[in-house]
PDB file of N, CA and C in Angstrom:
ATOM      1  N   MET A   1       8.204  13.761 -12.240  1.00  0.00           N
ATOM      2  CA  MET A   1       7.260  13.426 -11.055  1.00  0.00           C
ATOM      3  C   MET A   1       7.450  11.912 -11.075  1.00  0.00           C
ATOM      4  N   GLU A   2       7.409  10.889 -10.245  1.00  0.00           N
ATOM      5  CA  GLU A   2       7.481   9.625 -10.079  1.00  0.00           C
ATOM      6  C   GLU A   2       6.115   9.295 -10.442  1.00  0.00           C
ATOM      7  N   LYS A   3       5.992   7.655 -11.235  1.00  0.00           N
ATOM      8  CA  LYS A   3       4.940   7.453 -11.418  1.00  0.00           C
ATOM      9  C   LYS A   3       4.124   6.809 -10.036  1.00  0.00           C
ATOM     10  N   PRO A   4       2.799   7.255 -10.144  1.00  0.00           N
ATOM     11  CA  PRO A   4       2.120   6.450  -8.675  1.00  0.00           C
ATOM     12  C   PRO A   4       2.109   4.901  -8.689  1.00  0.00           C
ATOM     13  N   VAL A   5       2.165   4.454  -7.672  1.00  0.00           N
ATOM     14  CA  VAL A   5       2.069   2.997  -7.372  1.00  0.00           C
ATOM     15  C   VAL A   5       0.698   2.896  -6.429  1.00  0.00           C
ATOM     16  N   THR A   6       0.161   1.515  -7.154  1.00  0.00           N
ATOM     17  CA  THR A   6      -1.075   1.061  -6.467  1.00  0.00           C
ATOM     18  C   THR A   6      -0.814   0.057  -5.654  1.00  0.00           C
ATOM     19  N   ILE A   7      -0.990  -0.137  -4.205  1.00  0.00           N
ATOM     20  CA  ILE A   7      -0.864  -1.227  -3.261  1.00  0.00           C
ATOM     21  C   ILE A   7      -2.380  -1.913  -2.914  1.00  0.00           C
ATOM     22  N   MET A   8      -2.138  -2.952  -3.021  1.00  0.00           N
ATOM     23  CA  MET A   8      -3.610  -3.574  -2.518  1.00  0.00           C
ATOM     24  C   MET A   8      -3.022  -3.516  -0.615  1.00  0.00           C
ATOM     25  N   ILE A   9      -4.202  -3.244  -0.193  1.00  0.00           N
ATOM     26  CA  ILE A   9      -3.974  -3.278   1.348  1.00  0.00           C
ATOM     27  C   ILE A   9      -5.159  -3.852   1.901  1.00  0.00           C
ATOM     28  N   THR A  10      -4.752  -4.991   2.834  1.00  0.00           N
ATOM     29  CA  THR A  10      -6.052  -5.496   3.456  1.00  0.00           C
ATOM     30  C   THR A  10      -6.392  -4.964   4.804  1.00  0.00           C
ATOM     31  N   SER A  11      -7.526  -5.023   5.357  1.00  0.00           N
ATOM     32  CA  SER A  11      -7.917  -4.343   6.352  1.00  0.00           C
ATOM     33  C   SER A  11      -7.342  -4.435   7.977  1.00  0.00           C
ATOM     34  N   PRO A  12      -6.565  -5.486   8.251  1.00  0.00           N
ATOM     35  CA  PRO A  12      -5.440  -5.600   9.315  1.00  0.00           C
ATOM     36  C   PRO A  12      -4.191  -4.472   8.782  1.00  0.00           C
ATOM     37  N   GLU A  13      -3.836  -4.781   7.672  1.00  0.00           N
ATOM     38  CA  GLU A  13      -2.698  -3.667   7.081  1.00  0.00           C
ATOM     39  C   GLU A  13      -3.113  -2.338   7.344  1.00  0.00           C
ATOM     40  N   ARG A  14      -4.452  -2.246   7.020  1.00  0.00           N
ATOM     41  CA  ARG A  14      -4.786  -0.548   7.055  1.00  0.00           C
ATOM     42  C   ARG A  14      -4.807  -0.276   8.200  1.00  0.00           C
ATOM     43  N   ASP A  15      -5.179  -0.954   9.263  1.00  0.00           N
ATOM     44  CA  ASP A  15      -4.867  -0.594  10.885  1.00  0.00           C
ATOM     45  C   ASP A  15      -3.438  -0.415  11.013  1.00  0.00           C
ATOM     46  N   LEU A  16      -2.904  -0.963  10.849  1.00  0.00           N
ATOM     47  CA  LEU A  16      -1.171  -1.087  11.102  1.00  0.00           C
ATOM     48  C   LEU A  16      -0.557   0.076  10.713  1.00  0.00           C
ATOM     49  N   ILE A  17      -1.033   0.766   9.170  1.00  0.00           N
ATOM     50  CA  ILE A  17      -0.685   1.757   8.788  1.00  0.00           C
ATOM     51  C   ILE A  17      -1.126   3.125   9.385  1.00  0.00           C
ATOM     52  N   LEU A  18      -2.463   2.997   9.690  1.00  0.00           N
ATOM     53  CA  LEU A  18      -3.038   4.146  10.273  1.00  0.00           C
ATOM     54  C   LEU A  18      -2.234   4.476  11.498  1.00  0.00           C
ATOM     55  N   ARG A  19      -2.053   3.365  12.293  1.00  0.00           N
ATOM     56  CA  ARG A  19      -1.828   3.486  13.937  1.00  0.00           C
ATOM     57  C   ARG A  19      -0.240   3.727  13.940  1.00  0.00           C
ATOM     58  N   TYR A  20       0.341   2.843  12.932  1.00  0.00           N
ATOM     59  CA  TYR A  20       2.028   2.988  13.279  1.00  0.00           C
ATOM     60  C   TYR A  20       3.137   3.365  12.194  1.00  0.00           C
ATOM     61  N   GLY A  21       2.189   3.766  10.864  1.00  0.00           N
ATOM     62  CA  GLY A  21       2.975   4.287   9.977  1.00  0.00           C
ATOM     63  C   GLY A  21       2.942   5.693   9.584  1.00  0.00           C
ATOM     64  N   TYR A  22       1.952   6.293  10.556  1.00  0.00           N
ATOM     65  CA  TYR A  22       1.896   7.920  10.467  1.00  0.00           C
ATOM     66  C   TYR A  22       1.977   8.305   8.722  1.00  0.00           C
ATOM     67  N   PRO A  23       0.640   7.921   8.071  1.00  0.00           N
ATOM     68  CA  PRO A  23       0.904   8.029   6.702  1.00  0.00           C
ATOM     69  C   PRO A  23       0.421   9.693   6.455  1.00  0.00           C
ATOM     70  N   PHE A  24       0.843  10.289   5.143  1.00  0.00           N
ATOM     71  CA  PHE A  24       0.754  11.504   4.889  1.00  0.00           C
ATOM     72  C   PHE A  24      -0.754  11.512   4.551  1.00  0.00           C
ATOM     73  N   GLU A  25      -0.904  12.593   4.169  1.00  0.00           N
ATOM     74  CA  GLU A  25      -2.320  13.053   3.750  1.00  0.00           C
ATOM     75  C   GLU A  25      -3.060  12.108   2.733  1.00  0.00           C
ATOM     76  N   ASP A  26      -2.450  11.921   1.783  1.00  0.00           N
ATOM     77  CA  ASP A  26      -3.106  11.309   0.640  1.00  0.00           C
ATOM     78  C   ASP A  26      -3.622  10.004   0.900  1.00  0.00           C
ATOM     79  N   ILE A  27      -2.672   9.277   1.254  1.00  0.00           N
ATOM     80  CA  ILE A  27      -2.554   7.885   1.771  1.00  0.00           C
ATOM     81  C   ILE A  27      -3.493   7.494   3.043  1.00  0.00           C
ATOM     82  N   GLU A  28      -3.728   8.457   3.837  1.00  0.00           N
ATOM     83  CA  GLU A  28      -4.468   8.550   5.234  1.00  0.00           C
ATOM     84  C   GLU A  28      -5.723   8.457   4.661  1.00  0.00           C
ATOM     85  N   ARG A  29      -6.036   9.495   3.611  1.00  0.00           N
ATOM     86  CA  ARG A  29      -7.303   9.486   3.186  1.00  0.00           C
ATOM     87  C   ARG A  29      -7.653   8.532   2.426  1.00  0.00           C
ATOM     88  N   GLN A  30      -7.283   7.952   1.775  1.00  0.00           N
ATOM     89  CA  GLN A  30      -7.539   6.793   1.188  1.00  0.00           C
ATOM     90  C   GLN A  30      -7.903   5.737   2.030  1.00  0.00           C
ATOM     91  N   LEU A  31      -6.991   5.391   3.015  1.00  0.00           N
ATOM     92  CA  LEU A  31      -7.233   4.380   3.839  1.00  0.00           C
ATOM     93  C   LEU A  31      -8.675   4.574   4.675  1.00  0.00           C
ATOM     94  N   GLU A  32      -8.296   5.816   5.021  1.00  0.00           N
ATOM     95  CA  GLU A  32      -9.956   6.253   5.711  1.00  0.00           C
ATOM     96  C   GLU A  32     -11.294   5.805   4.803  1.00  0.00           C
ATOM     97  N   GLU A  33     -11.160   6.221   3.845  1.00  0.00           N
ATOM     98  CA  GLU A  33     -12.241   6.265   2.930  1.00  0.00           C
ATOM     99  C   GLU A  33     -12.454   4.554   2.474  1.00  0.00           C
ATOM    100  N   GLY A  34     -11.701   3.779   2.701  1.00  0.00           N
ATOM    101  CA  GLY A  34     -11.742   2.534   2.393  1.00  0.00           C
ATOM    102  C   GLY A  34     -12.599   1.836   3.621  1.00  0.00           C
ATOM    103  N   GLY A  35     -12.681   2.668   4.709  1.00  0.00           N
ATOM    104  CA  GLY A  35     -13.399   1.973   5.713  1.00  0.00           C
ATOM    105  C   GLY A  35     -13.168   0.594   6.265  1.00  0.00           C
ATOM    106  N   GLY A  36     -14.413  -0.317   6.067  1.00  0.00           N
ATOM    107  CA  GLY A  36     -14.236  -1.742   6.538  1.00  0.00           C
ATOM    108  C   GLY A  36     -14.003  -2.635   5.454  1.00  0.00           C
ATOM    109  N   ALA A  37     -13.536  -2.143   4.146  1.00  0.00           N
ATOM    110  CA  ALA A  37     -13.252  -3.118   3.009  1.00  0.00           C
ATOM    111  C   ALA A  37     -12.107  -3.719   3.382  1.00  0.00           C
ATOM    112  N   ASP A  38     -12.421  -5.135   3.068  1.00  0.00           N
ATOM    113  CA  ASP A  38     -11.598  -6.286   3.533  1.00  0.00           C
ATOM    114  C   ASP A  38     -10.017  -5.973   2.676  1.00  0.00           C
ATOM    115  N   LEU A  39     -10.286  -5.512   1.214  1.00  0.00           N
ATOM    116  CA  LEU A  39      -9.067  -5.284   0.556  1.00  0.00           C
ATOM    117  C   LEU A  39      -9.614  -3.992  -0.098  1.00  0.00           C
ATOM    118  N   MET A  40      -8.365  -2.784  -0.009  1.00  0.00           N
ATOM    119  CA  MET A  40      -8.674  -1.764  -0.796  1.00  0.00           C
ATOM    120  C   MET A  40      -7.294  -1.320  -1.773  1.00  0.00           C
ATOM    121  N   ARG A  41      -7.357  -0.671  -2.570  1.00  0.00           N
ATOM    122  CA  ARG A  41      -6.151  -0.163  -3.802  1.00  0.00           C
ATOM    123  C   ARG A  41      -6.096   1.410  -3.042  1.00  0.00           C
ATOM    124  N   ILE A  42      -4.670   1.377  -2.515  1.00  0.00           N
ATOM    125  CA  ILE A  42      -4.264   2.578  -2.296  1.00  0.00           C
ATOM    126  C   ILE A  42      -3.145   2.835  -3.172  1.00  0.00           C
ATOM    127  N   THR A  43      -3.337   4.430  -3.848  1.00  0.00           N
ATOM    128  CA  THR A  43      -2.385   4.743  -4.986  1.00  0.00           C
ATOM    129  C   THR A  43      -1.716   6.087  -4.427  1.00  0.00           C
ATOM    130  N   ASP A  44      -0.229   6.198  -4.727  1.00  0.00           N
ATOM    131  CA  ASP A  44       0.495   7.357  -4.187  1.00  0.00           C
ATOM    132  C   ASP A  44       1.913   7.172  -4.802  1.00  0.00           C
ATOM    133  N   SER A  45       2.734   8.231  -4.587  1.00  0.00           N
ATOM    134  CA  SER A  45       4.091   8.191  -5.262  1.00  0.00           C
ATOM    135  C   SER A  45       4.988   7.455  -4.410  1.00  0.00           C
ATOM    136  N   PRO A  46       5.906   6.711  -4.964  1.00  0.00           N
ATOM    137  CA  PRO A  46       6.846   5.997  -4.310  1.00  0.00           C
ATOM    138  C   PRO A  46       7.426   6.635  -3.164  1.00  0.00           C
ATOM    139  N   PHE A  47       7.757   8.169  -3.329  1.00  0.00           N
ATOM    140  CA  PHE A  47       8.407   8.641  -2.209  1.00  0.00           C
ATOM    141  C   PHE A  47       7.583   8.600  -1.107  1.00  0.00           C
ATOM    142  N   TRP A  48       6.047   8.922  -1.126  1.00  0.00           N
ATOM    143  CA  TRP A  48       5.527   9.111   0.138  1.00  0.00           C
ATOM    144  C   TRP A  48       5.167   7.534   0.645  1.00  0.00           C
ATOM    145  N   TRP A  49       5.001   6.392   0.066  1.00  0.00           N
ATOM    146  CA  TRP A  49       5.188   4.831   0.236  1.00  0.00           C
ATOM    147  C   TRP A  49       6.390   4.790   1.225  1.00  0.00           C
ATOM    148  N   GLU A  50       7.562   5.173   0.549  1.00  0.00           N
ATOM    149  CA  GLU A  50       8.891   5.066   1.273  1.00  0.00           C
ATOM    150  C   GLU A  50       8.846   5.699   2.689  1.00  0.00           C
ATOM    151  N   ARG A  51       8.059   7.062   2.910  1.00  0.00           N
ATOM    152  CA  ARG A  51       8.044   7.660   4.160  1.00  0.00           C
ATOM    153  C   ARG A  51       7.284   6.783   5.072  1.00  0.00           C
ATOM    154  N   VAL A  52       6.167   6.128   4.658  1.00  0.00           N
ATOM    155  CA  VAL A  52       5.342   5.048   5.375  1.00  0.00           C
ATOM    156  C   VAL A  52       6.260   3.791   5.888  1.00  0.00           C
ATOM    157  N   ILE A  53       7.142   3.410   4.897  1.00  0.00           N
ATOM    158  CA  ILE A  53       8.089   2.180   5.234  1.00  0.00           C
ATOM    159  C   ILE A  53       9.010   2.670   6.573  1.00  0.00           C
ATOM    160  N   VAL A  54       9.478   3.830   6.242  1.00  0.00           N
ATOM    161  CA  VAL A  54      10.304   4.710   7.168  1.00  0.00           C
ATOM    162  C   VAL A  54       9.643   4.500   8.679  1.00  0.00           C
ATOM    163  N   ASN A  55       8.535   5.147   8.667  1.00  0.00           N
ATOM    164  CA  ASN A  55       7.748   5.277   9.966  1.00  0.00           C
ATOM    165  C   ASN A  55       7.262   3.874  10.352  1.00  0.00           C
ATOM    166  N   LEU A  56       6.806   3.095   9.561  1.00  0.00           N
ATOM    167  CA  LEU A  56       6.813   1.503  10.049  1.00  0.00           C
ATOM    168  C   LEU A  56       7.955   0.889  10.478  1.00  0.00           C
ATOM    169  N   HIS A  57       9.225   1.078  10.067  1.00  0.00           N
ATOM    170  CA  HIS A  57      10.212   0.297  10.707  1.00  0.00           C
ATOM    171  C   HIS A  57      10.744   1.190  12.008  1.00  0.00           C
ATOM    172  N   ILE A  58      10.303   2.247  12.234  1.00  0.00           N
ATOM    173  CA  ILE A  58      10.429   3.099  13.489  1.00  0.00           C
ATOM    174  C   ILE A  58       9.758   2.567  14.610  1.00  0.00           C
ATOM    175  N   SER A  59       8.569   2.241  14.074  1.00  0.00           N
ATOM    176  CA  SER A  59       7.419   1.828  14.857  1.00  0.00           C
ATOM    177  C   SER A  59       7.603   0.538  15.179  1.00  0.00           C
ATOM    178  N   GLU A  60       8.198  -0.575  14.348  1.00  0.00           N
ATOM    179  CA  GLU A  60       8.709  -1.617  14.587  1.00  0.00           C
ATOM    180  C   GLU A  60       9.730  -1.965  15.768  1.00  0.00           C
ATOM    181  N   GLN A  61      10.783  -1.251  15.704  1.00  0.00           N
ATOM    182  CA  GLN A  61      11.783  -0.899  16.682  1.00  0.00           C
ATOM    183  C   GLN A  61      11.352  -0.650  17.974  1.00  0.00           C
ATOM    184  N   GLU A  62      10.577   0.549  18.014  1.00  0.00           N
ATOM    185  CA  GLU A  62      10.003   0.925  19.261  1.00  0.00           C
ATOM    186  C   GLU A  62       9.122  -0.102  19.907  1.00  0.00           C
ATOM    187  N   ASN A  63       8.327  -1.184  19.254  1.00  0.00           N
ATOM    188  CA  ASN A  63       7.843  -2.170  19.797  1.00  0.00           C
ATOM    189  C   ASN A  63       8.398  -3.312  19.563  1.00  0.00           C
ATOM    190  N   ALA A  64       9.596  -3.597  19.636  1.00  0.00           N
ATOM    191  CA  ALA A  64      10.609  -4.867  19.082  1.00  0.00           C
ATOM    192  C   ALA A  64       9.987  -5.683  20.602  1.00  0.00           C
ATOM    193  N   ALA A  65       9.757  -5.490  21.664  1.00  0.00           N
ATOM    194  CA  ALA A  65       9.389  -6.367  22.973  1.00  0.00           C
ATOM    195  C   ALA A  65       7.932  -7.145  22.579  1.00  0.00           C
ATOM    196  N   ASP A  66       7.128  -6.487  21.954  1.00  0.00           N
ATOM    197  CA  ASP A  66       6.028  -7.389  21.323  1.00  0.00           C
ATOM    198  C   ASP A  66       6.427  -7.916  20.031  1.00  0.00           C
ATOM    199  N   ARG A  67       6.696  -9.221  19.860  1.00  0.00           N
ATOM    200  CA  ARG A  67       7.087  -9.986  18.842  1.00  0.00           C
ATOM    201  C   ARG A  67       6.287 -10.128  17.899  1.00  0.00           C
ATOM    202  N   GLU A  68       4.734 -10.131  18.180  1.00  0.00           N
ATOM    203  CA  GLU A  68       3.453 -10.288  17.225  1.00  0.00           C
ATOM    204  C   GLU A  68       3.494  -9.148  16.651  1.00  0.00           C
ATOM    205  N   LEU A  69       3.494  -7.863  17.159  1.00  0.00           N
ATOM    206  CA  LEU A  69       3.401  -6.694  16.421  1.00  0.00           C
ATOM    207  C   LEU A  69       4.474  -6.580  15.679  1.00  0.00           C
ATOM    208  N   ALA A  70       5.843  -6.521  16.007  1.00  0.00           N
ATOM    209  CA  ALA A  70       6.966  -6.395  15.559  1.00  0.00           C
ATOM    210  C   ALA A  70       6.985  -7.099  14.210  1.00  0.00           C
ATOM    211  N   GLY A  71       6.353  -8.248  14.301  1.00  0.00           N
ATOM    212  CA  GLY A  71       6.622  -9.217  12.964  1.00  0.00           C
ATOM    213  C   GLY A  71       5.692  -8.880  12.140  1.00  0.00           C
ATOM    214  N   ALA A  72       4.303  -8.570  12.739  1.00  0.00           N
ATOM    215  CA  ALA A  72       3.293  -8.098  11.565  1.00  0.00           C
ATOM    216  C   ALA A  72       3.966  -6.684  11.083  1.00  0.00           C
ATOM    217  N   LEU A  73       4.458  -5.821  11.547  1.00  0.00           N
ATOM    218  CA  LEU A  73       5.174  -4.630  10.981  1.00  0.00           C
ATOM    219  C   LEU A  73       5.889  -4.853   9.999  1.00  0.00           C
ATOM    220  N   ARG A  74       6.902  -5.989  10.254  1.00  0.00           N
ATOM    221  CA  ARG A  74       8.055  -6.337   9.471  1.00  0.00           C
ATOM    222  C   ARG A  74       7.468  -6.843   8.188  1.00  0.00           C
ATOM    223  N   ASN A  75       6.549  -7.746   8.114  1.00  0.00           N
ATOM    224  CA  ASN A  75       5.927  -8.311   6.948  1.00  0.00           C
ATOM    225  C   ASN A  75       5.290  -7.312   6.203  1.00  0.00           C
ATOM    226  N   LEU A  76       4.699  -6.246   6.889  1.00  0.00           N
ATOM    227  CA  LEU A  76       4.017  -5.072   6.201  1.00  0.00           C
ATOM    228  C   LEU A  76       5.132  -4.522   5.375  1.00  0.00           C
ATOM    229  N   ILE A  77       5.992  -3.895   5.875  1.00  0.00           N
ATOM    230  CA  ILE A  77       7.139  -3.374   5.367  1.00  0.00           C
ATOM    231  C   ILE A  77       7.733  -4.045   4.333  1.00  0.00           C
ATOM    232  N   GLU A  78       8.193  -5.426   4.445  1.00  0.00           N
ATOM    233  CA  GLU A  78       8.623  -6.302   3.335  1.00  0.00           C
ATOM    234  C   GLU A  78       7.684  -6.075   2.112  1.00  0.00           C
ATOM    235  N   ARG A  79       6.191  -6.395   2.340  1.00  0.00           N
ATOM    236  CA  ARG A  79       5.340  -6.452   1.444  1.00  0.00           C
ATOM    237  C   ARG A  79       5.281  -5.038   0.527  1.00  0.00           C
ATOM    238  N   ILE A  80       5.147  -4.067   1.124  1.00  0.00           N
ATOM    239  CA  ILE A  80       5.211  -2.627   0.534  1.00  0.00           C
ATOM    240  C   ILE A  80       6.407  -2.440  -0.371  1.00  0.00           C
ATOM    241  N   ALA A  81       7.708  -2.403   0.302  1.00  0.00           N
ATOM    242  CA  ALA A  81       9.222  -2.380  -0.154  1.00  0.00           C
ATOM    243  C   ALA A  81       9.035  -3.146  -1.802  1.00  0.00           C
ATOM    244  N   GLU A  82       8.548  -4.938  -1.591  1.00  0.00           N
ATOM    245  CA  GLU A  82       8.360  -5.541  -2.411  1.00  0.00           C
ATOM    246  C   GLU A  82       7.516  -4.788  -3.752  1.00  0.00           C
ATOM    247  N   GLN A  83       6.445  -4.387  -3.660  1.00  0.00           N
ATOM    248  CA  GLN A  83       5.487  -3.625  -4.390  1.00  0.00           C
ATOM    249  C   GLN A  83       6.209  -2.431  -4.943  1.00  0.00           C
ATOM    250  N   LEU A  84       7.183  -1.882  -4.458  1.00  0.00           N
ATOM    251  CA  LEU A  84       7.681  -0.718  -5.093  1.00  0.00           C
ATOM    252  C   LEU A  84       9.021  -1.090  -5.583  1.00  0.00           C
ATOM    253  N   GLY A  85       9.497  -2.392  -5.772  1.00  0.00           N
ATOM    254  CA  GLY A  85      10.456  -2.911  -6.290  1.00  0.00           C
ATOM    255  C   GLY A  85      12.084  -2.614  -5.552  1.00  0.00           C
ATOM    256  N   MET A  86      11.688  -2.366  -4.196  1.00  0.00           N
ATOM    257  CA  MET A  86      12.994  -2.266  -3.417  1.00  0.00           C
ATOM    258  C   MET A  86      13.727  -3.372  -2.800  1.00  0.00           C
ATOM    259  N   MET A  87      12.850  -4.656  -3.204  1.00  0.00           N
ATOM    260  CA  MET A  87      13.419  -5.925  -2.798  1.00  0.00           C
ATOM    261  C   MET A  87      13.622  -6.930  -4.001  1.00  0.00           C
TER     262      MET A  87
END
């Protein structure tokens, strides 16, 4: 089993993941439990974080016309990927 990875998520990033990352159960639960916190620690296996990245990428492509949103999604994708050691 892969070692879990903890990623610090800001409140705006939380909102992006919940709306556009279609997080799976454990990540979603942690994000929702974090509520209005400015910064929260979210821990799950790299496998599930990679699924969030894929979903964010799909949402980025679907919202390419909204440059601000697409840029925010790209920045979040890159930050998560960096934390996973993918970049």
